Amino acid sequence: MSKTTRATQALDKAGVAFTTVTYDYDPNADRIGLQAAEAIGEEPRRVLKTLMAEVDGKPVCVVVPSDREVSMKKLAAAFGGKSANMMKPADAERATGYHVGGISPFGQKKQVPTAIEVTALDEPHVFINGGQRGLQVRLDPKAARDALKAIAAPLVT
């Protein structure tokens, strides 16, 4: 597995310190983020999942702890919108240039507005998908927020 992806290149370019962690990706896992947390032996609240959604029909990226669910109402409010819904997997792949299970908020084909769950910023470090299945990057959550120019907001139910 290559540890150089568009995501890791974007982090390098932004000057963000990170390390990579690889694991055996299970394509049959019910919840990919929880499987990743278990595989790397980390608390699920520190392994953040990257989801693609739409707020008022416009694409957005959402980064939340793998053991939590996104509140569509809170997501819409975070972006000043009226409604939100999850993007279909094929649309998410087309928008990001990544495969489901390997979608990273870093180095997407076209950067879209991004929101990160505010409680993740309290963690000493977090893991976020590194741009391919079975690859996570470990980094400071505030550095991730800054590199993404993300808004921090309460996003989970």
C-alpha atoms as a PDB file:
ATOM      1  CA  MET A   1       0.000   0.000   0.000  1.00  0.00           C
ATOM      2  CA  SER A   2       1.275   3.404  -0.943  1.00  0.00           C
ATOM      3  CA  LYS A   3       1.384   5.905   1.900  1.00  0.00           C
ATOM      4  CA  THR A   4       1.526   8.782  -0.577  1.00  0.00           C
ATOM      5  CA  THR A   5      -1.899   9.916  -1.694  1.00  0.00           C
ATOM      6  CA  ARG A   6      -3.458  13.214  -2.745  1.00  0.00           C
ATOM      7  CA  ALA A   7      -4.471  13.577   0.920  1.00  0.00           C
ATOM      8  CA  THR A   8      -0.956  13.147   2.321  1.00  0.00           C
ATOM      9  CA  GLN A   9       0.444  15.414  -0.393  1.00  0.00           C
ATOM     10  CA  ALA A  10      -2.115  18.104   0.552  1.00  0.00           C
ATOM     11  CA  LEU A  11      -1.102  17.800   4.220  1.00  0.00           C
ATOM     12  CA  ASP A  12       2.597  18.049   3.307  1.00  0.00           C
ATOM     13  CA  LYS A  13       1.905  21.105   1.145  1.00  0.00           C
ATOM     14  CA  ALA A  14      -0.029  22.723   4.023  1.00  0.00           C
ATOM     15  CA  GLY A  15       2.878  22.034   6.397  1.00  0.00           C
ATOM     16  CA  VAL A  16       0.760  19.843   8.696  1.00  0.00           C
ATOM     17  CA  ALA A  17       2.610  17.324  10.863  1.00  0.00           C
ATOM     18  CA  PHE A  18       1.094  13.850  10.612  1.00  0.00           C
ATOM     19  CA  THR A  19       1.944  10.179  10.720  1.00  0.00           C
ATOM     20  CA  THR A  20       0.305   7.393   8.752  1.00  0.00           C
ATOM     21  CA  VAL A  21      -1.235   4.213  10.098  1.00  0.00           C
ATOM     22  CA  THR A  22      -2.263   1.310   7.897  1.00  0.00           C
ATOM     23  CA  TYR A  23      -4.735  -1.440   8.715  1.00  0.00           C
ATOM     24  CA  ASP A  24      -6.616  -4.248   7.010  1.00  0.00           C
ATOM     25  CA  TYR A  25      -9.675  -2.623   5.489  1.00  0.00           C
ATOM     26  CA  ASP A  26     -12.813  -4.787   5.659  1.00  0.00           C
ATOM     27  CA  PRO A  27     -15.063  -4.015   2.679  1.00  0.00           C
ATOM     28  CA  ASN A  28     -17.921  -5.906   4.374  1.00  0.00           C
ATOM     29  CA  ALA A  29     -17.874  -3.908   7.615  1.00  0.00           C
ATOM     30  CA  ASP A  30     -21.238  -2.423   8.567  1.00  0.00           C
ATOM     31  CA  ARG A  31     -19.586   0.746   9.844  1.00  0.00           C
ATOM     32  CA  ILE A  32     -16.260   1.515   8.175  1.00  0.00           C
ATOM     33  CA  GLY A  33     -15.101   4.072  10.757  1.00  0.00           C
ATOM     34  CA  LEU A  34     -15.716   1.727  13.683  1.00  0.00           C
ATOM     35  CA  GLN A  35     -13.901  -1.069  11.867  1.00  0.00           C
ATOM     36  CA  ALA A  36     -10.936   1.263  11.325  1.00  0.00           C
ATOM     37  CA  ALA A  37     -10.905   2.249  15.021  1.00  0.00           C
ATOM     38  CA  GLU A  38     -10.923  -1.375  16.110  1.00  0.00           C
ATOM     39  CA  ALA A  39      -8.248  -2.342  13.569  1.00  0.00           C
ATOM     40  CA  ILE A  40      -5.825   0.374  14.750  1.00  0.00           C
ATOM     41  CA  GLY A  41      -6.711  -0.061  18.437  1.00  0.00           C
ATOM     42  CA  GLU A  42      -7.941   3.487  18.958  1.00  0.00           C
ATOM     43  CA  GLU A  43     -10.988   4.998  20.667  1.00  0.00           C
ATOM     44  CA  PRO A  44     -13.808   5.455  18.100  1.00  0.00           C
ATOM     45  CA  ARG A  45     -14.265   9.089  19.181  1.00  0.00           C
ATOM     46  CA  ARG A  46     -10.713   9.785  17.922  1.00  0.00           C
ATOM     47  CA  VAL A  47     -11.164   8.040  14.566  1.00  0.00           C
ATOM     48  CA  LEU A  48     -13.085  10.542  12.486  1.00  0.00           C
ATOM     49  CA  LYS A  49     -15.154   9.530   9.496  1.00  0.00           C
ATOM     50  CA  THR A  50     -15.404  11.689   6.399  1.00  0.00           C
ATOM     51  CA  LEU A  51     -18.876  12.006   4.931  1.00  0.00           C
ATOM     52  CA  MET A  52     -20.100  13.871   1.911  1.00  0.00           C
ATOM     53  CA  ALA A  53     -23.442  15.607   2.112  1.00  0.00           C
ATOM     54  CA  GLU A  54     -25.444  18.368   0.504  1.00  0.00           C
ATOM     55  CA  VAL A  55     -26.813  21.459   2.200  1.00  0.00           C
ATOM     56  CA  ASP A  56     -29.509  23.169   0.169  1.00  0.00           C
ATOM     57  CA  GLY A  57     -28.285  21.152  -2.833  1.00  0.00           C
ATOM     58  CA  LYS A  58     -24.617  22.216  -2.535  1.00  0.00           C
ATOM     59  CA  PRO A  59     -21.871  19.675  -1.685  1.00  0.00           C
ATOM     60  CA  VAL A  60     -20.202  19.817   1.728  1.00  0.00           C
ATOM     61  CA  CYS A  61     -17.745  17.628   3.604  1.00  0.00           C
ATOM     62  CA  VAL A  62     -18.451  16.532   7.177  1.00  0.00           C
ATOM     63  CA  VAL A  63     -15.863  15.104   9.614  1.00  0.00           C
ATOM     64  CA  VAL A  64     -17.270  13.480  12.758  1.00  0.00           C
ATOM     65  CA  PRO A  65     -16.287  10.788  15.289  1.00  0.00           C
ATOM     66  CA  SER A  66     -16.843   7.292  13.882  1.00  0.00           C
ATOM     67  CA  ASP A  67     -19.111   6.298  16.767  1.00  0.00           C
ATOM     68  CA  ARG A  68     -21.566   9.161  16.208  1.00  0.00           C
ATOM     69  CA  GLU A  69     -24.260   9.996  13.640  1.00  0.00           C
ATOM     70  CA  VAL A  70     -24.618  13.322  11.852  1.00  0.00           C
ATOM     71  CA  SER A  71     -27.702  15.378  12.665  1.00  0.00           C
ATOM     72  CA  MET A  72     -29.004  16.711   9.352  1.00  0.00           C
ATOM     73  CA  LYS A  73     -30.643  19.611  11.184  1.00  0.00           C
ATOM     74  CA  LYS A  74     -27.354  20.602  12.888  1.00  0.00           C
ATOM     75  CA  LEU A  75     -25.431  20.125   9.640  1.00  0.00           C
ATOM     76  CA  ALA A  76     -27.757  22.451   7.729  1.00  0.00           C
ATOM     77  CA  ALA A  77     -27.554  25.013  10.535  1.00  0.00           C
ATOM     78  CA  ALA A  78     -23.734  24.861  10.582  1.00  0.00           C
ATOM     79  CA  PHE A  79     -23.677  26.011   6.957  1.00  0.00           C
ATOM     80  CA  GLY A  80     -26.557  28.450   7.333  1.00  0.00           C
ATOM     81  CA  GLY A  81     -28.837  26.265   5.240  1.00  0.00           C
ATOM     82  CA  LYS A  82     -32.375  24.975   5.501  1.00  0.00           C
ATOM     83  CA  SER A  83     -31.943  21.268   4.716  1.00  0.00           C
ATOM     84  CA  ALA A  84     -29.221  18.646   4.464  1.00  0.00           C
ATOM     85  CA  ASN A  85     -28.970  15.121   3.154  1.00  0.00           C
ATOM     86  CA  MET A  86     -26.223  12.569   2.650  1.00  0.00           C
ATOM     87  CA  MET A  87     -24.709  12.375  -0.818  1.00  0.00           C
ATOM     88  CA  LYS A  88     -25.148   9.111  -2.722  1.00  0.00           C
ATOM     89  CA  PRO A  89     -21.924   7.026  -2.674  1.00  0.00           C
ATOM     90  CA  ALA A  90     -21.379   7.314  -6.442  1.00  0.00           C
ATOM     91  CA  ASP A  91     -21.817  11.099  -6.268  1.00  0.00           C
ATOM     92  CA  ALA A  92     -19.393  11.296  -3.314  1.00  0.00           C
ATOM     93  CA  GLU A  93     -16.784   9.336  -5.282  1.00  0.00           C
ATOM     94  CA  ARG A  94     -17.238  11.549  -8.326  1.00  0.00           C
ATOM     95  CA  ALA A  95     -17.021  14.747  -6.260  1.00  0.00           C
ATOM     96  CA  THR A  96     -13.939  13.752  -4.248  1.00  0.00           C
ATOM     97  CA  GLY A  97     -11.974  11.510  -6.597  1.00  0.00           C
ATOM     98  CA  TYR A  98     -11.752   8.932  -3.792  1.00  0.00           C
ATOM     99  CA  HIS A  99     -13.479   5.563  -3.326  1.00  0.00           C
ATOM    100  CA  VAL A 100     -16.001   5.070  -0.518  1.00  0.00           C
ATOM    101  CA  GLY A 101     -14.023   3.747   2.439  1.00  0.00           C
ATOM    102  CA  GLY A 102     -11.076   5.876   1.353  1.00  0.00           C
ATOM    103  CA  ILE A 103     -12.647   9.336   1.202  1.00  0.00           C
ATOM    104  CA  SER A 104     -10.467  11.938   2.859  1.00  0.00           C
ATOM    105  CA  PRO A 105     -11.328  15.586   3.442  1.00  0.00           C
ATOM    106  CA  PHE A 106      -7.772  16.415   2.319  1.00  0.00           C
ATOM    107  CA  GLY A 107      -6.812  16.604  -1.359  1.00  0.00           C
ATOM    108  CA  GLN A 108     -10.291  16.200  -2.807  1.00  0.00           C
ATOM    109  CA  LYS A 109     -10.660  16.855  -6.540  1.00  0.00           C
ATOM    110  CA  LYS A 110     -12.557  20.036  -5.721  1.00  0.00           C
ATOM    111  CA  GLN A 111     -12.369  21.383  -2.189  1.00  0.00           C
ATOM    112  CA  VAL A 112     -15.837  22.001  -0.789  1.00  0.00           C
ATOM    113  CA  PRO A 113     -16.918  23.721   2.431  1.00  0.00           C
ATOM    114  CA  THR A 114     -16.047  21.467   5.352  1.00  0.00           C
ATOM    115  CA  ALA A 115     -17.321  21.166   8.916  1.00  0.00           C
ATOM    116  CA  ILE A 116     -15.710  19.232  11.759  1.00  0.00           C
ATOM    117  CA  GLU A 117     -17.469  18.124  14.937  1.00  0.00           C
ATOM    118  CA  VAL A 118     -16.466  20.665  17.593  1.00  0.00           C
ATOM    119  CA  THR A 119     -15.868  18.013  20.302  1.00  0.00           C
ATOM    120  CA  ALA A 120     -13.126  16.437  18.143  1.00  0.00           C
ATOM    121  CA  LEU A 121     -11.019  19.555  18.753  1.00  0.00           C
ATOM    122  CA  ASP A 122     -10.741  18.562  22.442  1.00  0.00           C
ATOM    123  CA  GLU A 123      -8.807  15.388  21.568  1.00  0.00           C
ATOM    124  CA  PRO A 124      -4.985  15.405  21.750  1.00  0.00           C
ATOM    125  CA  HIS A 125      -4.897  13.731  18.323  1.00  0.00           C
ATOM    126  CA  VAL A 126      -7.324  12.255  15.823  1.00  0.00           C
ATOM    127  CA  PHE A 127      -7.199   9.857  12.903  1.00  0.00           C
ATOM    128  CA  ILE A 128      -8.710  10.830   9.550  1.00  0.00           C
ATOM    129  CA  ASN A 129      -8.788   8.842   6.328  1.00  0.00           C
ATOM    130  CA  GLY A 130      -5.584   9.304   4.365  1.00  0.00           C
ATOM    131  CA  GLY A 131      -7.096   8.981   0.913  1.00  0.00           C
ATOM    132  CA  GLN A 132      -7.284   5.244   0.425  1.00  0.00           C
ATOM    133  CA  ARG A 133      -8.896   2.264   2.064  1.00  0.00           C
ATOM    134  CA  GLY A 134      -6.810   1.040   4.997  1.00  0.00           C
ATOM    135  CA  LEU A 135      -4.838   4.273   5.462  1.00  0.00           C
ATOM    136  CA  GLN A 136      -5.366   6.761   8.297  1.00  0.00           C
ATOM    137  CA  VAL A 137      -3.417   9.914   9.120  1.00  0.00           C
ATOM    138  CA  ARG A 138      -2.821  10.772  12.783  1.00  0.00           C
ATOM    139  CA  LEU A 139      -2.707  14.500  13.446  1.00  0.00           C
ATOM    140  CA  ASP A 140      -3.707  17.350  15.727  1.00  0.00           C
ATOM    141  CA  PRO A 141      -7.425  18.033  15.226  1.00  0.00           C
ATOM    142  CA  LYS A 142      -6.888  21.808  15.262  1.00  0.00           C
ATOM    143  CA  ALA A 143      -4.264  21.462  12.522  1.00  0.00           C
ATOM    144  CA  ALA A 144      -6.774  19.422  10.503  1.00  0.00           C
ATOM    145  CA  ARG A 145      -9.425  22.116  10.986  1.00  0.00           C
ATOM    146  CA  ASP A 146      -7.008  24.856   9.936  1.00  0.00           C
ATOM    147  CA  ALA A 147      -5.705  22.952   6.887  1.00  0.00           C
ATOM    148  CA  LEU A 148      -9.286  22.362   5.736  1.00  0.00           C
ATOM    149  CA  LYS A 149     -10.416  25.891   6.603  1.00  0.00           C
ATOM    150  CA  ALA A 150     -13.251  23.996   8.268  1.00  0.00           C
ATOM    151  CA  ILE A 151     -15.899  25.365  10.534  1.00  0.00           C
ATOM    152  CA  ALA A 152     -16.128  23.680  13.922  1.00  0.00           C
ATOM    153  CA  ALA A 153     -19.704  23.110  15.009  1.00  0.00           C
ATOM    154  CA  PRO A 154     -21.895  20.669  16.918  1.00  0.00           C
ATOM    155  CA  LEU A 155     -22.874  18.233  14.144  1.00  0.00           C
ATOM    156  CA  VAL A 156     -23.855  14.973  15.822  1.00  0.00           C
ATOM    157  CA  THR A 157     -27.061  13.666  17.374  1.00  0.00           C
END
